[in-house]
PDB file of all heavy atoms in Angstrom:
ATOM      1  N   GLN A   1     100.832  23.987-135.069  1.00  0.00           N
ATOM      2  CA  GLN A   1      99.399  23.825-134.871  1.00  0.00           C
ATOM      3  C   GLN A   1      99.165  22.328-134.766  1.00  0.00           C
ATOM      4  O   GLN A   1      99.222  21.616-135.781  1.00  0.00           O
ATOM      5  CB  GLN A   1      98.646  24.436-136.043  1.00  0.00           C
ATOM      6  CG  GLN A   1      97.179  24.659-135.816  1.00  0.00           C
ATOM      7  CD  GLN A   1      96.598  25.508-136.928  1.00  0.00           C
ATOM      8  OE1 GLN A   1      96.750  25.180-138.097  1.00  0.00           O
ATOM      9  NE2 GLN A   1      95.947  26.587-136.562  1.00  0.00           N
ATOM     10  N   GLY A   2      98.965  21.835-133.552  1.00  0.00           N
ATOM     11  CA  GLY A   2      98.917  20.390-133.343  1.00  0.00           C
ATOM     12  C   GLY A   2     100.259  19.798-133.710  1.00  0.00           C
ATOM     13  O   GLY A   2     101.297  20.242-133.230  1.00  0.00           O
ATOM     14  N   ASP A   3     100.255  18.803-134.591  1.00  0.00           N
ATOM     15  CA  ASP A   3     101.500  18.179-135.045  1.00  0.00           C
ATOM     16  C   ASP A   3     102.081  18.842-136.294  1.00  0.00           C
ATOM     17  O   ASP A   3     103.098  18.393-136.808  1.00  0.00           O
ATOM     18  CB  ASP A   3     101.258  16.688-135.351  1.00  0.00           C
ATOM     19  CG  ASP A   3     101.020  15.876-134.094  1.00  0.00           C
ATOM     20  OD1 ASP A   3     101.482  16.296-133.015  1.00  0.00           O
ATOM     21  OD2 ASP A   3     100.374  14.817-134.190  1.00  0.00           O
ATOM     22  N   ASP A   4     101.434  19.885-136.796  1.00  0.00           N
ATOM     23  CA  ASP A   4     101.874  20.530-138.033  1.00  0.00           C
ATOM     24  C   ASP A   4     102.772  21.730-137.740  1.00  0.00           C
ATOM     25  O   ASP A   4     102.332  22.698-137.119  1.00  0.00           O
ATOM     26  CB  ASP A   4     100.675  21.004-138.853  1.00  0.00           C
ATOM     27  CG  ASP A   4      99.828  19.852-139.347  1.00  0.00           C
ATOM     28  OD1 ASP A   4     100.402  18.794-139.677  1.00  0.00           O
ATOM     29  OD2 ASP A   4      98.593  20.016-139.411  1.00  0.00           O
ATOM     30  N   PRO A   5     104.025  21.692-138.209  1.00  0.00           N
ATOM     31  CA  PRO A   5     104.873  22.871-138.072  1.00  0.00           C
ATOM     32  C   PRO A   5     104.384  23.979-138.993  1.00  0.00           C
ATOM     33  O   PRO A   5     103.929  23.721-140.108  1.00  0.00           O
ATOM     34  CB  PRO A   5     106.249  22.358-138.492  1.00  0.00           C
ATOM     35  CG  PRO A   5     105.986  21.205-139.387  1.00  0.00           C
ATOM     36  CD  PRO A   5     104.696  20.595-138.918  1.00  0.00           C
ATOM     37  N   ILE A   6     104.454  25.224-138.501  1.00  0.00           N
ATOM     38  CA  ILE A   6     103.975  26.378-139.254  1.00  0.00           C
ATOM     39  C   ILE A   6     105.120  27.315-139.611  1.00  0.00           C
ATOM     40  O   ILE A   6     105.246  27.754-140.744  1.00  0.00           O
ATOM     41  CB  ILE A   6     102.925  27.153-138.428  1.00  0.00           C
ATOM     42  CG1 ILE A   6     101.668  26.312-138.251  1.00  0.00           C
ATOM     43  CG2 ILE A   6     102.611  28.502-139.061  1.00  0.00           C
ATOM     44  CD1 ILE A   6     100.661  26.921-137.306  1.00  0.00           C
ATOM     45  N   GLY A   7     105.932  27.635-138.596  1.00  0.00           N
ATOM     46  CA  GLY A   7     106.989  28.608-138.807  1.00  0.00           C
ATOM     47  C   GLY A   7     108.062  28.512-137.750  1.00  0.00           C
ATOM     48  O   GLY A   7     107.902  27.821-136.738  1.00  0.00           O
ATOM     49  N   THR A   8     109.148  29.221-137.998  1.00  0.00           N
ATOM     50  CA  THR A   8     110.273  29.189-137.068  1.00  0.00           C
ATOM     51  C   THR A   8     111.086  30.468-137.196  1.00  0.00           C
ATOM     52  O   THR A   8     110.996  31.190-138.194  1.00  0.00           O
ATOM     53  CB  THR A   8     111.180  27.968-137.331  1.00  0.00           C
ATOM     54  OG1 THR A   8     112.167  27.899-136.299  1.00  0.00           O
ATOM     55  CG2 THR A   8     111.860  28.047-138.690  1.00  0.00           C
ATOM     56  N   CYS A   9     111.869  30.729-136.178  1.00  0.00           N
ATOM     57  CA  CYS A   9     112.893  31.767-136.253  1.00  0.00           C
ATOM     58  C   CYS A   9     114.008  31.393-135.292  1.00  0.00           C
ATOM     59  O   CYS A   9     113.821  30.601-134.367  1.00  0.00           O
ATOM     60  CB  CYS A   9     112.346  33.156-135.952  1.00  0.00           C
ATOM     61  SG  CYS A   9     111.773  33.406-134.277  1.00  0.00           S
ATOM     62  N   ARG A  10     115.162  31.959-135.559  1.00  0.00           N
ATOM     63  CA  ARG A  10     116.331  31.751-134.717  1.00  0.00           C
ATOM     64  C   ARG A  10     116.478  33.009-133.869  1.00  0.00           C
ATOM     65  O   ARG A  10     116.278  34.116-134.366  1.00  0.00           O
ATOM     66  CB  ARG A  10     117.536  31.535-135.623  1.00  0.00           C
ATOM     67  CG  ARG A  10     118.792  31.139-134.938  1.00  0.00           C
ATOM     68  CD  ARG A  10     119.796  30.625-135.936  1.00  0.00           C
ATOM     69  NE  ARG A  10     120.453  31.710-136.662  1.00  0.00           N
ATOM     70  CZ  ARG A  10     121.392  31.515-137.583  1.00  0.00           C
ATOM     71  NH1 ARG A  10     121.773  30.295-137.912  1.00  0.00           N
ATOM     72  NH2 ARG A  10     121.954  32.535-138.182  1.00  0.00           N
ATOM     73  N   VAL A  11     116.809  32.836-132.598  1.00  0.00           N
ATOM     74  CA  VAL A  11     116.991  33.972-131.702  1.00  0.00           C
ATOM     75  C   VAL A  11     118.424  33.951-131.186  1.00  0.00           C
ATOM     76  O   VAL A  11     118.879  32.955-130.635  1.00  0.00           O
ATOM     77  CB  VAL A  11     115.984  33.939-130.528  1.00  0.00           C
ATOM     78  CG1 VAL A  11     116.097  35.204-129.692  1.00  0.00           C
ATOM     79  CG2 VAL A  11     114.556  33.772-131.043  1.00  0.00           C
ATOM     80  N   ASN A  12     119.106  35.062-131.391  1.00  0.00           N
ATOM     81  CA  ASN A  12     120.516  35.181-131.041  1.00  0.00           C
ATOM     82  C   ASN A  12     120.633  36.094-129.825  1.00  0.00           C
ATOM     83  O   ASN A  12     120.253  37.264-129.881  1.00  0.00           O
ATOM     84  CB  ASN A  12     121.268  35.756-132.250  1.00  0.00           C
ATOM     85  CG  ASN A  12     122.741  35.901-132.033  1.00  0.00           C
ATOM     86  OD1 ASN A  12     123.210  36.066-130.924  1.00  0.00           O
ATOM     87  ND2 ASN A  12     123.479  35.882-133.123  1.00  0.00           N
ATOM     88  N   PHE A  13     121.174  35.554-128.733  1.00  0.00           N
ATOM     89  CA  PHE A  13     121.334  36.309-127.489  1.00  0.00           C
ATOM     90  C   PHE A  13     122.782  36.733-127.254  1.00  0.00           C
ATOM     91  O   PHE A  13     123.141  37.124-126.156  1.00  0.00           O
ATOM     92  CB  PHE A  13     120.861  35.466-126.300  1.00  0.00           C
ATOM     93  CG  PHE A  13     119.421  35.064-126.363  1.00  0.00           C
ATOM     94  CD1 PHE A  13     119.067  33.733-126.507  1.00  0.00           C
ATOM     95  CD2 PHE A  13     118.414  36.003-126.275  1.00  0.00           C
ATOM     96  CE1 PHE A  13     117.740  33.341-126.562  1.00  0.00           C
ATOM     97  CE2 PHE A  13     117.083  35.631-126.330  1.00  0.00           C
ATOM     98  CZ  PHE A  13     116.743  34.300-126.469  1.00  0.00           C
ATOM     99  N   GLU A  14     123.616  36.654-128.262  1.00  0.00           N
ATOM    100  CA  GLU A  14     125.051  36.903-128.102  1.00  0.00           C
ATOM    101  C   GLU A  14     125.433  38.381-128.060  1.00  0.00           C
ATOM    102  O   GLU A  14     126.548  38.707-127.689  1.00  0.00           O
ATOM    103  CB  GLU A  14     125.834  36.208-129.228  1.00  0.00           C
ATOM    104  CG  GLU A  14     125.780  34.697-129.129  1.00  0.00           C
ATOM    105  CD  GLU A  14     126.405  34.159-127.848  1.00  0.00           C
ATOM    106  OE1 GLU A  14     127.537  34.559-127.532  1.00  0.00           O
ATOM    107  OE2 GLU A  14     125.745  33.359-127.173  1.00  0.00           O
ATOM    108  N   HIS A  15     124.546  39.260-128.468  1.00  0.00           N
ATOM    109  CA  HIS A  15     124.862  40.687-128.474  1.00  0.00           C
ATOM    110  C   HIS A  15     124.625  41.269-127.087  1.00  0.00           C
ATOM    111  O   HIS A  15     123.728  40.839-126.357  1.00  0.00           O
ATOM    112  CB  HIS A  15     124.016  41.408-129.525  1.00  0.00           C
ATOM    113  CG  HIS A  15     124.219  40.865-130.902  1.00  0.00           C
ATOM    114  ND1 HIS A  15     125.270  41.250-131.704  1.00  0.00           N
ATOM    115  CD2 HIS A  15     123.524  39.942-131.605  1.00  0.00           C
ATOM    116  CE1 HIS A  15     125.206  40.591-132.849  1.00  0.00           C
ATOM    117  NE2 HIS A  15     124.153  39.789-132.813  1.00  0.00           N
ATOM    118  N   GLN A  16     125.395  42.255-126.733  1.00  0.00           N
ATOM    119  CA  GLN A  16     125.317  42.829-125.389  1.00  0.00           C
ATOM    120  C   GLN A  16     124.066  43.669-125.179  1.00  0.00           C
ATOM    121  O   GLN A  16     123.468  43.631-124.099  1.00  0.00           O
ATOM    122  CB  GLN A  16     126.558  43.673-125.119  1.00  0.00           C
ATOM    123  CG  GLN A  16     126.626  44.218-123.717  1.00  0.00           C
ATOM    124  CD  GLN A  16     127.931  44.953-123.456  1.00  0.00           C
ATOM    125  OE1 GLN A  16     128.823  44.995-124.290  1.00  0.00           O
ATOM    126  NE2 GLN A  16     128.026  45.537-122.283  1.00  0.00           N
ATOM    127  N   ASP A  17     123.654  44.411-126.207  1.00  0.00           N
ATOM    128  CA  ASP A  17     122.596  45.401-126.034  1.00  0.00           C
ATOM    129  C   ASP A  17     121.234  45.007-126.601  1.00  0.00           C
ATOM    130  O   ASP A  17     120.279  45.753-126.441  1.00  0.00           O
ATOM    131  CB  ASP A  17     123.026  46.724-126.679  1.00  0.00           C
ATOM    132  CG  ASP A  17     124.280  47.287-126.029  1.00  0.00           C
ATOM    133  OD1 ASP A  17     124.468  47.089-124.814  1.00  0.00           O
ATOM    134  OD2 ASP A  17     125.083  47.913-126.750  1.00  0.00           O
ATOM    135  N   TYR A  18     121.151  43.859-127.275  1.00  0.00           N
ATOM    136  CA  TYR A  18     119.880  43.493-127.892  1.00  0.00           C
ATOM    137  C   TYR A  18     119.844  41.995-128.192  1.00  0.00           C
ATOM    138  O   TYR A  18     120.870  41.337-128.278  1.00  0.00           O
ATOM    139  CB  TYR A  18     119.641  44.281-129.187  1.00  0.00           C
ATOM    140  CG  TYR A  18     120.717  44.108-130.228  1.00  0.00           C
ATOM    141  CD1 TYR A  18     120.668  43.065-131.156  1.00  0.00           C
ATOM    142  CD2 TYR A  18     121.803  44.983-130.300  1.00  0.00           C
ATOM    143  CE1 TYR A  18     121.651  42.894-132.121  1.00  0.00           C
ATOM    144  CE2 TYR A  18     122.782  44.830-131.265  1.00  0.00           C
ATOM    145  CZ  TYR A  18     122.708  43.786-132.168  1.00  0.00           C
ATOM    146  OH  TYR A  18     123.681  43.623-133.110  1.00  0.00           O
ATOM    147  N   GLY A  19     118.629  41.493-128.363  1.00  0.00           N
ATOM    148  CA  GLY A  19     118.427  40.149-128.892  1.00  0.00           C
ATOM    149  C   GLY A  19     118.134  40.282-130.372  1.00  0.00           C
ATOM    150  O   GLY A  19     117.488  41.247-130.806  1.00  0.00           O
ATOM    151  N   LYS A  20     118.604  39.339-131.164  1.00  0.00           N
ATOM    152  CA  LYS A  20     118.442  39.424-132.612  1.00  0.00           C
ATOM    153  C   LYS A  20     117.583  38.274-133.118  1.00  0.00           C
ATOM    154  O   LYS A  20     117.850  37.111-132.811  1.00  0.00           O
ATOM    155  CB  LYS A  20     119.804  39.403-133.312  1.00  0.00           C
ATOM    156  CG  LYS A  20     119.721  39.677-134.792  1.00  0.00           C
ATOM    157  CD  LYS A  20     121.093  39.963-135.369  1.00  0.00           C
ATOM    158  CE  LYS A  20     120.967  40.353-136.816  1.00  0.00           C
ATOM    159  NZ  LYS A  20     121.506  39.379-137.727  1.00  0.00           N
ATOM    160  N   ILE A  21     116.565  38.603-133.876  1.00  0.00           N
ATOM    161  CA  ILE A  21     115.677  37.618-134.474  1.00  0.00           C
ATOM    162  C   ILE A  21     116.193  37.347-135.886  1.00  0.00           C
ATOM    163  O   ILE A  21     116.349  38.275-136.680  1.00  0.00           O
ATOM    164  CB  ILE A  21     114.222  38.119-134.501  1.00  0.00           C
ATOM    165  CG1 ILE A  21     113.758  38.423-133.063  1.00  0.00           C
ATOM    166  CG2 ILE A  21     113.313  37.092-135.171  1.00  0.00           C
ATOM    167  CD1 ILE A  21     112.420  39.128-132.991  1.00  0.00           C
ATOM    168  N   GLU A  22     116.442  36.083-136.172  1.00  0.00           N
ATOM    169  CA  GLU A  22     117.052  35.693-137.441  1.00  0.00           C
ATOM    170  C   GLU A  22     116.271  34.548-138.082  1.00  0.00           C
ATOM    171  O   GLU A  22     115.533  33.832-137.418  1.00  0.00           O
ATOM    172  CB  GLU A  22     118.497  35.230-137.205  1.00  0.00           C
ATOM    173  CG  GLU A  22     119.345  36.248-136.474  1.00  0.00           C
ATOM    174  CD  GLU A  22     120.701  35.716-136.049  1.00  0.00           C
ATOM    175  OE1 GLU A  22     120.854  34.487-135.879  1.00  0.00           O
ATOM    176  OE2 GLU A  22     121.601  36.537-135.888  1.00  0.00           O
ATOM    177  N   ARG A  23     116.500  34.355-139.379  1.00  0.00           N
ATOM    178  CA  ARG A  23     115.987  33.203-140.118  1.00  0.00           C
ATOM    179  C   ARG A  23     114.474  32.996-139.926  1.00  0.00           C
ATOM    180  O   ARG A  23     114.002  31.889-139.716  1.00  0.00           O
ATOM    181  CB  ARG A  23     116.725  31.928-139.728  1.00  0.00           C
ATOM    182  CG  ARG A  23     118.232  31.944-139.904  1.00  0.00           C
ATOM    183  CD  ARG A  23     118.591  32.021-141.390  1.00  0.00           C
ATOM    184  NE  ARG A  23     119.909  31.509-141.692  1.00  0.00           N
ATOM    185  CZ  ARG A  23     121.015  32.234-141.772  1.00  0.00           C
ATOM    186  NH1 ARG A  23     120.976  33.527-141.527  1.00  0.00           N
ATOM    187  NH2 ARG A  23     122.163  31.676-142.074  1.00  0.00           N
ATOM    188  N   VAL A  24     113.718  34.077-140.003  1.00  0.00           N
ATOM    189  CA  VAL A  24     112.257  34.004-139.860  1.00  0.00           C
ATOM    190  C   VAL A  24     111.681  33.299-141.082  1.00  0.00           C
ATOM    191  O   VAL A  24     112.000  33.645-142.221  1.00  0.00           O
ATOM    192  CB  VAL A  24     111.653  35.415-139.720  1.00  0.00           C
ATOM    193  CG1 VAL A  24     110.132  35.346-139.645  1.00  0.00           C
ATOM    194  CG2 VAL A  24     112.234  36.127-138.505  1.00  0.00           C
ATOM    195  N   ALA A  25     110.829  32.297-140.840  1.00  0.00           N
ATOM    196  CA  ALA A  25     110.265  31.525-141.947  1.00  0.00           C
ATOM    197  C   ALA A  25     108.889  30.975-141.572  1.00  0.00           C
ATOM    198  O   ALA A  25     108.724  30.390-140.508  1.00  0.00           O
ATOM    199  CB  ALA A  25     111.198  30.369-142.308  1.00  0.00           C
ATOM    200  N   ILE A  26     107.943  31.173-142.453  1.00  0.00           N
ATOM    201  CA  ILE A  26     106.589  30.607-142.331  1.00  0.00           C
ATOM    202  C   ILE A  26     106.349  29.784-143.596  1.00  0.00           C
ATOM    203  O   ILE A  26     106.578  30.274-144.711  1.00  0.00           O
ATOM    204  CB  ILE A  26     105.514  31.708-142.217  1.00  0.00           C
ATOM    205  CG1 ILE A  26     105.751  32.610-141.006  1.00  0.00           C
ATOM    206  CG2 ILE A  26     104.115  31.086-142.180  1.00  0.00           C
ATOM    207  CD1 ILE A  26     105.496  31.960-139.661  1.00  0.00           C
ATOM    208  N   LEU A  27     105.901  28.545-143.434  1.00  0.00           N
ATOM    209  CA  LEU A  27     105.582  27.729-144.603  1.00  0.00           C
ATOM    210  C   LEU A  27     104.535  28.443-145.454  1.00  0.00           C
ATOM    211  O   LEU A  27     103.620  29.083-144.935  1.00  0.00           O
ATOM    212  CB  LEU A  27     105.070  26.353-144.178  1.00  0.00           C
ATOM    213  CG  LEU A  27     106.109  25.424-143.561  1.00  0.00           C
ATOM    214  CD1 LEU A  27     105.445  24.173-142.994  1.00  0.00           C
ATOM    215  CD2 LEU A  27     107.175  25.041-144.582  1.00  0.00           C
ATOM    216  N   GLU A  28     104.667  28.312-146.754  1.00  0.00           N
ATOM    217  CA  GLU A  28     103.842  29.076-147.690  1.00  0.00           C
ATOM    218  C   GLU A  28     102.342  28.935-147.430  1.00  0.00           C
ATOM    219  O   GLU A  28     101.600  29.912-147.460  1.00  0.00           O
ATOM    220  CB  GLU A  28     104.168  28.664-149.126  1.00  0.00           C
ATOM    221  CG  GLU A  28     103.473  29.521-150.145  1.00  0.00           C
ATOM    222  CD  GLU A  28     103.898  29.207-151.569  1.00  0.00           C
ATOM    223  OE1 GLU A  28     104.667  28.257-151.785  1.00  0.00           O
ATOM    224  OE2 GLU A  28     103.450  29.930-152.461  1.00  0.00           O
ATOM    225  N   LYS A  29     101.867  27.728-147.147  1.00  0.00           N
ATOM    226  CA  LYS A  29     100.421  27.537-146.972  1.00  0.00           C
ATOM    227  C   LYS A  29      99.870  28.204-145.710  1.00  0.00           C
ATOM    228  O   LYS A  29      98.663  28.336-145.555  1.00  0.00           O
ATOM    229  CB  LYS A  29     100.062  26.051-146.991  1.00  0.00           C
ATOM    230  CG  LYS A  29     100.525  25.254-145.790  1.00  0.00           C
ATOM    231  CD  LYS A  29     100.108  23.800-145.931  1.00  0.00           C
ATOM    232  CE  LYS A  29     100.541  22.962-144.755  1.00  0.00           C
ATOM    233  NZ  LYS A  29     100.090  21.582-144.877  1.00  0.00           N
ATOM    234  N   PHE A  30     100.770  28.662-144.819  1.00  0.00           N
ATOM    235  CA  PHE A  30     100.350  29.333-143.588  1.00  0.00           C
ATOM    236  C   PHE A  30     100.602  30.843-143.625  1.00  0.00           C
ATOM    237  O   PHE A  30     100.311  31.545-142.659  1.00  0.00           O
ATOM    238  CB  PHE A  30     101.074  28.728-142.381  1.00  0.00           C
ATOM    239  CG  PHE A  30     100.688  27.305-142.107  1.00  0.00           C
ATOM    240  CD1 PHE A  30     101.572  26.273-142.374  1.00  0.00           C
ATOM    241  CD2 PHE A  30      99.448  26.984-141.574  1.00  0.00           C
ATOM    242  CE1 PHE A  30     101.232  24.956-142.123  1.00  0.00           C
ATOM    243  CE2 PHE A  30      99.093  25.667-141.319  1.00  0.00           C
ATOM    244  CZ  PHE A  30      99.982  24.650-141.597  1.00  0.00           C
ATOM    245  N   GLN A  31     101.146  31.343-144.726  1.00  0.00           N
ATOM    246  CA  GLN A  31     101.447  32.769-144.813  1.00  0.00           C
ATOM    247  C   GLN A  31     100.169  33.595-144.944  1.00  0.00           C
ATOM    248  O   GLN A  31      99.141  33.113-145.392  1.00  0.00           O
ATOM    249  CB  GLN A  31     102.389  33.029-145.984  1.00  0.00           C
ATOM    250  CG  GLN A  31     103.770  32.451-145.735  1.00  0.00           C
ATOM    251  CD  GLN A  31     104.726  32.651-146.893  1.00  0.00           C
ATOM    252  OE1 GLN A  31     104.398  33.273-147.894  1.00  0.00           O
ATOM    253  NE2 GLN A  31     105.928  32.112-146.754  1.00  0.00           N
ATOM    254  N   HIS A  32     100.255  34.855-144.515  1.00  0.00           N
ATOM    255  CA  HIS A  32      99.165  35.829-144.595  1.00  0.00           C
ATOM    256  C   HIS A  32      97.959  35.428-143.738  1.00  0.00           C
ATOM    257  O   HIS A  32      96.821  35.724-144.086  1.00  0.00           O
ATOM    258  CB  HIS A  32      98.744  36.066-146.049  1.00  0.00           C
ATOM    259  CG  HIS A  32      99.892  36.419-146.927  1.00  0.00           C
ATOM    260  ND1 HIS A  32     100.555  37.626-146.861  1.00  0.00           N
ATOM    261  CD2 HIS A  32     100.542  35.690-147.875  1.00  0.00           C
ATOM    262  CE1 HIS A  32     101.533  37.637-147.728  1.00  0.00           C
ATOM    263  NE2 HIS A  32     101.562  36.482-148.359  1.00  0.00           N
TER     264      HIS A  32
END
């Protein structure tokens, strides 16, 4: 949000049949 990071996730495209969402994280003050 502007210059403030809120959250992140890692996306893994190495699997043949699906993409995998990993390491999902939202900073506490931005949760909910």
